Amino acid sequence: MLEINGNRLAPQLIILDKDGTLIAFDVMWRAWFDRFARFISGRYTLPLEARLGLAGTLGYDPVDGDWDPSGPLTLASTSEVLLLVAGQLYQYLNLTWEEALSLVRDAEDDARGVLLNPDVLRPIGDVSAWLQKLVRVGHQLALVTTDARSSTEHQLRALGLEEFFSIIVCGDDGLALKPAPDMALAVCQR
C-alpha cells in the first residue's frame, strides 16, 4: 500500500523520472551547460548576445542559475537540445549548418563527461532507502528519462540505484518523448 496526500493506492508499477526526482537537476545540468558553453567558447568567440541566446533557448537563466521546468533542457532529448543550439550557432557565428552541427556534437561529447562526475550527482534525499522500501513492499519500479542511456545507466550505478529498476526507458531509445505517453506505455507493455 502506498499513501500519497492521504490517498491509499496499491499500484503494481511505479514509473519515476530521474533528473529532479531522484537526482538534483540544477547542479548536474548547470555543470553540463557551463562545460558545453566553455567548449564552444574555446573554439569561437561568442558575443554576449549569442551566450544569452544559447542559455535562453535552453530555458536557462545564467544570471540566477534557474532552469525553466517546462523548457527544452528539462524536457527535450539530447538530440533536440543539440539542434536548438546548432540553430543559434548557425545564426550568431555565421557557421554552415554542418559546421554548427559538428560543433555542438563535439561540445556535447565533451560536456557529457561532467554528467559522469560523482561531484555533480546528488540524490534528492535518501533515495536508495526510499526505493528499497518501495521494492520491499512489492512495487515494481521503472525509470523513464529523456536523458541518454549511457549517462543514465552510469549515474544510477554510481548512486547504487540501478538494481531497483526493472525497466529503464531513455531518450535515445527511439520513442516519442515525455510529455507524450509513449515512454510510459512502453514500460507498461514490457
C-alpha atoms as a PDB file:
ATOM      1  CA  MET A   1       0.000   0.000   0.000  1.00  0.00           C
ATOM      2  CA  LEU A   2       1.252   3.467  -0.912  1.00  0.00           C
ATOM      3  CA  GLU A   3      -0.158   6.644   0.592  1.00  0.00           C
ATOM      4  CA  ILE A   4       0.088   9.965  -1.227  1.00  0.00           C
ATOM      5  CA  ASN A   5      -1.614  13.030   0.250  1.00  0.00           C
ATOM      6  CA  GLY A   6      -3.892  10.838   2.341  1.00  0.00           C
ATOM      7  CA  ASN A   7      -4.918   8.669  -0.620  1.00  0.00           C
ATOM      8  CA  ARG A   8      -4.145   4.958  -0.307  1.00  0.00           C
ATOM      9  CA  LEU A   9      -3.039   3.310  -3.523  1.00  0.00           C
ATOM     10  CA  ALA A  10      -1.977  -0.230  -4.377  1.00  0.00           C
ATOM     11  CA  PRO A  11      -0.049   0.141  -7.651  1.00  0.00           C
ATOM     12  CA  GLN A  12       1.749  -2.780  -9.203  1.00  0.00           C
ATOM     13  CA  LEU A  13       4.130  -0.453 -11.043  1.00  0.00           C
ATOM     14  CA  ILE A  14       5.581   2.948 -10.222  1.00  0.00           C
ATOM     15  CA  ILE A  15       7.234   4.915 -13.054  1.00  0.00           C
ATOM     16  CA  LEU A  16       9.755   7.534 -11.951  1.00  0.00           C
ATOM     17  CA  ASP A  17      11.756  10.236 -13.697  1.00  0.00           C
ATOM     18  CA  LYS A  18      15.473  10.663 -12.948  1.00  0.00           C
ATOM     19  CA  ASP A  19      16.535  14.314 -13.049  1.00  0.00           C
ATOM     20  CA  GLY A  20      14.753  16.351 -10.425  1.00  0.00           C
ATOM     21  CA  THR A  21      13.070  13.279  -8.946  1.00  0.00           C
ATOM     22  CA  LEU A  22      15.966  11.053  -7.929  1.00  0.00           C
ATOM     23  CA  ILE A  23      18.961  13.262  -8.741  1.00  0.00           C
ATOM     24  CA  ALA A  24      19.233  17.029  -8.176  1.00  0.00           C
ATOM     25  CA  PHE A  25      18.699  18.579 -11.607  1.00  0.00           C
ATOM     26  CA  ASP A  26      20.205  22.017 -11.142  1.00  0.00           C
ATOM     27  CA  VAL A  27      23.718  21.017 -10.021  1.00  0.00           C
ATOM     28  CA  MET A  28      24.135  18.430 -12.764  1.00  0.00           C
ATOM     29  CA  TRP A  29      22.788  20.374 -15.716  1.00  0.00           C
ATOM     30  CA  ARG A  30      24.342  23.686 -14.691  1.00  0.00           C
ATOM     31  CA  ALA A  31      27.723  21.921 -14.748  1.00  0.00           C
ATOM     32  CA  TRP A  32      26.831  20.425 -18.145  1.00  0.00           C
ATOM     33  CA  PHE A  33      25.815  23.810 -19.601  1.00  0.00           C
ATOM     34  CA  ASP A  34      28.926  25.551 -18.261  1.00  0.00           C
ATOM     35  CA  ARG A  35      31.235  22.930 -19.770  1.00  0.00           C
ATOM     36  CA  PHE A  36      29.250  22.848 -23.031  1.00  0.00           C
ATOM     37  CA  ALA A  37      29.444  26.657 -23.374  1.00  0.00           C
ATOM     38  CA  ARG A  38      33.170  26.670 -22.432  1.00  0.00           C
ATOM     39  CA  PHE A  39      33.891  24.136 -25.166  1.00  0.00           C
ATOM     40  CA  ILE A  40      32.149  26.293 -27.781  1.00  0.00           C
ATOM     41  CA  SER A  41      33.787  29.477 -26.449  1.00  0.00           C
ATOM     42  CA  GLY A  42      37.171  27.766 -26.714  1.00  0.00           C
ATOM     43  CA  ARG A  43      36.607  27.364 -30.454  1.00  0.00           C
ATOM     44  CA  TYR A  44      34.768  30.599 -31.288  1.00  0.00           C
ATOM     45  CA  THR A  45      34.304  33.973 -29.675  1.00  0.00           C
ATOM     46  CA  LEU A  46      30.698  34.093 -28.556  1.00  0.00           C
ATOM     47  CA  PRO A  47      29.260  37.590 -28.341  1.00  0.00           C
ATOM     48  CA  LEU A  48      27.186  38.282 -25.230  1.00  0.00           C
ATOM     49  CA  GLU A  49      24.040  38.194 -27.368  1.00  0.00           C
ATOM     50  CA  ALA A  50      24.945  34.666 -28.518  1.00  0.00           C
ATOM     51  CA  ARG A  51      25.701  33.417 -24.980  1.00  0.00           C
ATOM     52  CA  LEU A  52      22.401  34.777 -23.697  1.00  0.00           C
ATOM     53  CA  GLY A  53      20.643  33.387 -26.774  1.00  0.00           C
ATOM     54  CA  LEU A  54      22.055  29.910 -26.130  1.00  0.00           C
ATOM     55  CA  ALA A  55      21.034  29.968 -22.497  1.00  0.00           C
ATOM     56  CA  GLY A  56      17.592  31.396 -23.236  1.00  0.00           C
ATOM     57  CA  THR A  57      16.958  28.869 -25.988  1.00  0.00           C
ATOM     58  CA  LEU A  58      17.516  26.068 -23.483  1.00  0.00           C
ATOM     59  CA  GLY A  59      15.425  27.700 -20.747  1.00  0.00           C
ATOM     60  CA  TYR A  60      18.404  28.646 -18.569  1.00  0.00           C
ATOM     61  CA  ASP A  61      18.889  31.980 -16.810  1.00  0.00           C
ATOM     62  CA  PRO A  62      22.675  32.372 -16.456  1.00  0.00           C
ATOM     63  CA  VAL A  63      22.279  35.293 -14.040  1.00  0.00           C
ATOM     64  CA  ASP A  64      20.412  33.410 -11.295  1.00  0.00           C
ATOM     65  CA  GLY A  65      21.146  29.843 -12.480  1.00  0.00           C
ATOM     66  CA  ASP A  66      17.473  28.859 -12.714  1.00  0.00           C
ATOM     67  CA  TRP A  67      16.055  26.440 -15.279  1.00  0.00           C
ATOM     68  CA  ASP A  68      12.586  26.626 -16.744  1.00  0.00           C
ATOM     69  CA  PRO A  69      10.918  23.378 -15.601  1.00  0.00           C
ATOM     70  CA  SER A  70       8.922  23.303 -18.831  1.00  0.00           C
ATOM     71  CA  GLY A  71      11.852  24.351 -21.026  1.00  0.00           C
ATOM     72  CA  PRO A  72      13.903  22.413 -23.567  1.00  0.00           C
ATOM     73  CA  LEU A  73      16.754  21.286 -21.342  1.00  0.00           C
ATOM     74  CA  THR A  74      14.267  19.923 -18.846  1.00  0.00           C
ATOM     75  CA  LEU A  75      12.012  18.123 -21.326  1.00  0.00           C
ATOM     76  CA  ALA A  76      13.772  17.736 -24.672  1.00  0.00           C
ATOM     77  CA  SER A  77      16.017  14.888 -25.735  1.00  0.00           C
ATOM     78  CA  THR A  78      19.729  15.480 -26.142  1.00  0.00           C
ATOM     79  CA  SER A  79      19.369  15.455 -29.925  1.00  0.00           C
ATOM     80  CA  GLU A  80      16.631  18.115 -29.751  1.00  0.00           C
ATOM     81  CA  VAL A  81      18.770  20.277 -27.450  1.00  0.00           C
ATOM     82  CA  LEU A  82      21.685  19.993 -29.865  1.00  0.00           C
ATOM     83  CA  LEU A  83      19.509  21.057 -32.803  1.00  0.00           C
ATOM     84  CA  LEU A  84      18.326  24.122 -30.900  1.00  0.00           C
ATOM     85  CA  VAL A  85      21.891  25.109 -30.058  1.00  0.00           C
ATOM     86  CA  ALA A  86      23.114  24.418 -33.599  1.00  0.00           C
ATOM     87  CA  GLY A  87      20.444  26.808 -34.869  1.00  0.00           C
ATOM     88  CA  GLN A  88      21.706  29.511 -32.529  1.00  0.00           C
ATOM     89  CA  LEU A  89      25.330  28.957 -33.590  1.00  0.00           C
ATOM     90  CA  TYR A  90      24.334  28.981 -37.246  1.00  0.00           C
ATOM     91  CA  GLN A  91      22.697  32.364 -36.683  1.00  0.00           C
ATOM     92  CA  TYR A  92      25.197  34.065 -34.367  1.00  0.00           C
ATOM     93  CA  LEU A  93      28.515  32.650 -35.608  1.00  0.00           C
ATOM     94  CA  ASN A  94      27.723  32.503 -39.323  1.00  0.00           C
ATOM     95  CA  LEU A  95      28.703  28.835 -39.458  1.00  0.00           C
ATOM     96  CA  THR A  96      27.431  26.483 -42.107  1.00  0.00           C
ATOM     97  CA  TRP A  97      24.748  24.116 -40.862  1.00  0.00           C
ATOM     98  CA  GLU A  98      27.190  21.196 -40.980  1.00  0.00           C
ATOM     99  CA  GLU A  99      29.802  23.202 -39.035  1.00  0.00           C
ATOM    100  CA  ALA A 100      27.219  24.130 -36.404  1.00  0.00           C
ATOM    101  CA  LEU A 101      26.062  20.505 -36.034  1.00  0.00           C
ATOM    102  CA  SER A 102      29.628  19.250 -35.790  1.00  0.00           C
ATOM    103  CA  LEU A 103      30.488  21.849 -33.158  1.00  0.00           C
ATOM    104  CA  VAL A 104      27.505  21.026 -30.934  1.00  0.00           C
ATOM    105  CA  ARG A 105      28.156  17.286 -31.235  1.00  0.00           C
ATOM    106  CA  ASP A 106      31.769  17.813 -30.162  1.00  0.00           C
ATOM    107  CA  ALA A 107      30.689  20.126 -27.335  1.00  0.00           C
ATOM    108  CA  GLU A 108      28.097  17.571 -26.159  1.00  0.00           C
ATOM    109  CA  ASP A 109      30.661  14.757 -26.241  1.00  0.00           C
ATOM    110  CA  ASP A 110      32.927  16.869 -24.060  1.00  0.00           C
ATOM    111  CA  ALA A 111      30.182  18.145 -21.717  1.00  0.00           C
ATOM    112  CA  ARG A 112      28.597  14.708 -21.263  1.00  0.00           C
ATOM    113  CA  GLY A 113      31.710  13.793 -19.289  1.00  0.00           C
ATOM    114  CA  VAL A 114      30.664  16.142 -16.488  1.00  0.00           C
ATOM    115  CA  LEU A 115      27.471  14.085 -16.037  1.00  0.00           C
ATOM    116  CA  LEU A 116      29.671  11.156 -15.055  1.00  0.00           C
ATOM    117  CA  ASN A 117      31.408  13.171 -12.329  1.00  0.00           C
ATOM    118  CA  PRO A 118      30.304  11.970  -8.869  1.00  0.00           C
ATOM    119  CA  ASP A 119      30.571  15.568  -7.574  1.00  0.00           C
ATOM    120  CA  VAL A 120      27.528  16.617  -9.610  1.00  0.00           C
ATOM    121  CA  LEU A 121      25.456  13.522  -8.795  1.00  0.00           C
ATOM    122  CA  ARG A 122      23.430  14.451  -5.754  1.00  0.00           C
ATOM    123  CA  PRO A 123      20.479  12.301  -4.823  1.00  0.00           C
ATOM    124  CA  ILE A 124      17.401  14.107  -3.592  1.00  0.00           C
ATOM    125  CA  GLY A 125      17.266  12.839  -0.025  1.00  0.00           C
ATOM    126  CA  ASP A 126      17.794   9.196   0.879  1.00  0.00           C
ATOM    127  CA  VAL A 127      16.635   7.915  -2.489  1.00  0.00           C
ATOM    128  CA  SER A 128      18.179   4.488  -2.013  1.00  0.00           C
ATOM    129  CA  ALA A 129      16.279   3.806   1.221  1.00  0.00           C
ATOM    130  CA  TRP A 130      13.042   5.081  -0.318  1.00  0.00           C
ATOM    131  CA  LEU A 131      13.386   2.883  -3.432  1.00  0.00           C
ATOM    132  CA  GLN A 132      14.391  -0.092  -1.292  1.00  0.00           C
ATOM    133  CA  LYS A 133      11.244   0.334   0.801  1.00  0.00           C
ATOM    134  CA  LEU A 134       9.036   0.516  -2.302  1.00  0.00           C
ATOM    135  CA  VAL A 135      10.569  -2.668  -3.730  1.00  0.00           C
ATOM    136  CA  ARG A 136      10.428  -4.455  -0.366  1.00  0.00           C
ATOM    137  CA  VAL A 137       6.663  -3.907  -0.100  1.00  0.00           C
ATOM    138  CA  GLY A 138       6.136  -5.322  -3.596  1.00  0.00           C
ATOM    139  CA  HIS A 139       6.150  -2.412  -6.028  1.00  0.00           C
ATOM    140  CA  GLN A 140       7.844  -2.856  -9.389  1.00  0.00           C
ATOM    141  CA  LEU A 141       9.805   0.253 -10.353  1.00  0.00           C
ATOM    142  CA  ALA A 142      10.549   1.683 -13.790  1.00  0.00           C
ATOM    143  CA  LEU A 143      12.568   4.724 -14.798  1.00  0.00           C
ATOM    144  CA  VAL A 144      11.651   6.973 -17.731  1.00  0.00           C
ATOM    145  CA  THR A 145      14.015   9.809 -18.650  1.00  0.00           C
ATOM    146  CA  THR A 146      14.731  11.954 -21.702  1.00  0.00           C
ATOM    147  CA  ASP A 147      18.439  11.690 -20.884  1.00  0.00           C
ATOM    148  CA  ALA A 148      20.688   9.350 -22.881  1.00  0.00           C
ATOM    149  CA  ARG A 149      21.001   5.705 -21.813  1.00  0.00           C
ATOM    150  CA  SER A 150      24.779   5.757 -21.333  1.00  0.00           C
ATOM    151  CA  SER A 151      24.797   8.592 -18.781  1.00  0.00           C
ATOM    152  CA  THR A 152      21.560   7.379 -17.159  1.00  0.00           C
ATOM    153  CA  GLU A 153      22.961   3.914 -16.500  1.00  0.00           C
ATOM    154  CA  HIS A 154      26.257   5.344 -15.279  1.00  0.00           C
ATOM    155  CA  GLN A 155      24.504   7.721 -12.877  1.00  0.00           C
ATOM    156  CA  LEU A 156      22.247   5.004 -11.480  1.00  0.00           C
ATOM    157  CA  ARG A 157      25.232   2.671 -10.965  1.00  0.00           C
ATOM    158  CA  ALA A 158      27.287   5.443  -9.336  1.00  0.00           C
ATOM    159  CA  LEU A 159      24.487   6.118  -6.853  1.00  0.00           C
ATOM    160  CA  GLY A 160      23.717   2.429  -6.287  1.00  0.00           C
ATOM    161  CA  LEU A 161      20.193   2.789  -7.682  1.00  0.00           C
ATOM    162  CA  GLU A 162      20.273   0.666 -10.852  1.00  0.00           C
ATOM    163  CA  GLU A 163      19.233  -2.539  -9.077  1.00  0.00           C
ATOM    164  CA  PHE A 164      15.858  -1.092  -8.057  1.00  0.00           C
ATOM    165  CA  PHE A 165      14.535  -0.639 -11.601  1.00  0.00           C
ATOM    166  CA  SER A 166      13.025  -3.496 -13.594  1.00  0.00           C
ATOM    167  CA  ILE A 167      12.767  -1.347 -16.710  1.00  0.00           C
ATOM    168  CA  ILE A 168      14.641   1.765 -17.839  1.00  0.00           C
ATOM    169  CA  VAL A 169      13.476   3.758 -20.872  1.00  0.00           C
ATOM    170  CA  CYS A 170      15.713   6.584 -22.099  1.00  0.00           C
ATOM    171  CA  GLY A 171      15.511   9.495 -24.509  1.00  0.00           C
ATOM    172  CA  ASP A 172      17.643   7.760 -27.116  1.00  0.00           C
ATOM    173  CA  ASP A 173      15.521   4.586 -27.213  1.00  0.00           C
ATOM    174  CA  GLY A 174      13.579   5.785 -30.267  1.00  0.00           C
ATOM    175  CA  LEU A 175      10.231   6.595 -28.611  1.00  0.00           C
ATOM    176  CA  ALA A 176       8.283   9.839 -28.592  1.00  0.00           C
ATOM    177  CA  LEU A 177       9.401  11.789 -25.529  1.00  0.00           C
ATOM    178  CA  LYS A 178       7.509  12.998 -22.490  1.00  0.00           C
ATOM    179  CA  PRO A 179       5.013  14.520 -22.142  1.00  0.00           C
ATOM    180  CA  ALA A 180       3.806  12.153 -24.901  1.00  0.00           C
ATOM    181  CA  PRO A 181       2.689   8.895 -23.259  1.00  0.00           C
ATOM    182  CA  ASP A 182       4.825   6.620 -25.458  1.00  0.00           C
ATOM    183  CA  MET A 183       7.653   6.046 -22.981  1.00  0.00           C
ATOM    184  CA  ALA A 184       5.281   5.195 -20.125  1.00  0.00           C
ATOM    185  CA  LEU A 185       3.185   2.987 -22.403  1.00  0.00           C
ATOM    186  CA  ALA A 186       6.334   1.119 -23.489  1.00  0.00           C
ATOM    187  CA  VAL A 187       7.103   0.443 -19.812  1.00  0.00           C
ATOM    188  CA  CYS A 188       3.586  -0.879 -19.254  1.00  0.00           C
ATOM    189  CA  GLN A 189       3.787  -3.121 -22.324  1.00  0.00           C
ATOM    190  CA  ARG A 190       7.067  -4.619 -21.122  1.00  0.00           C
END
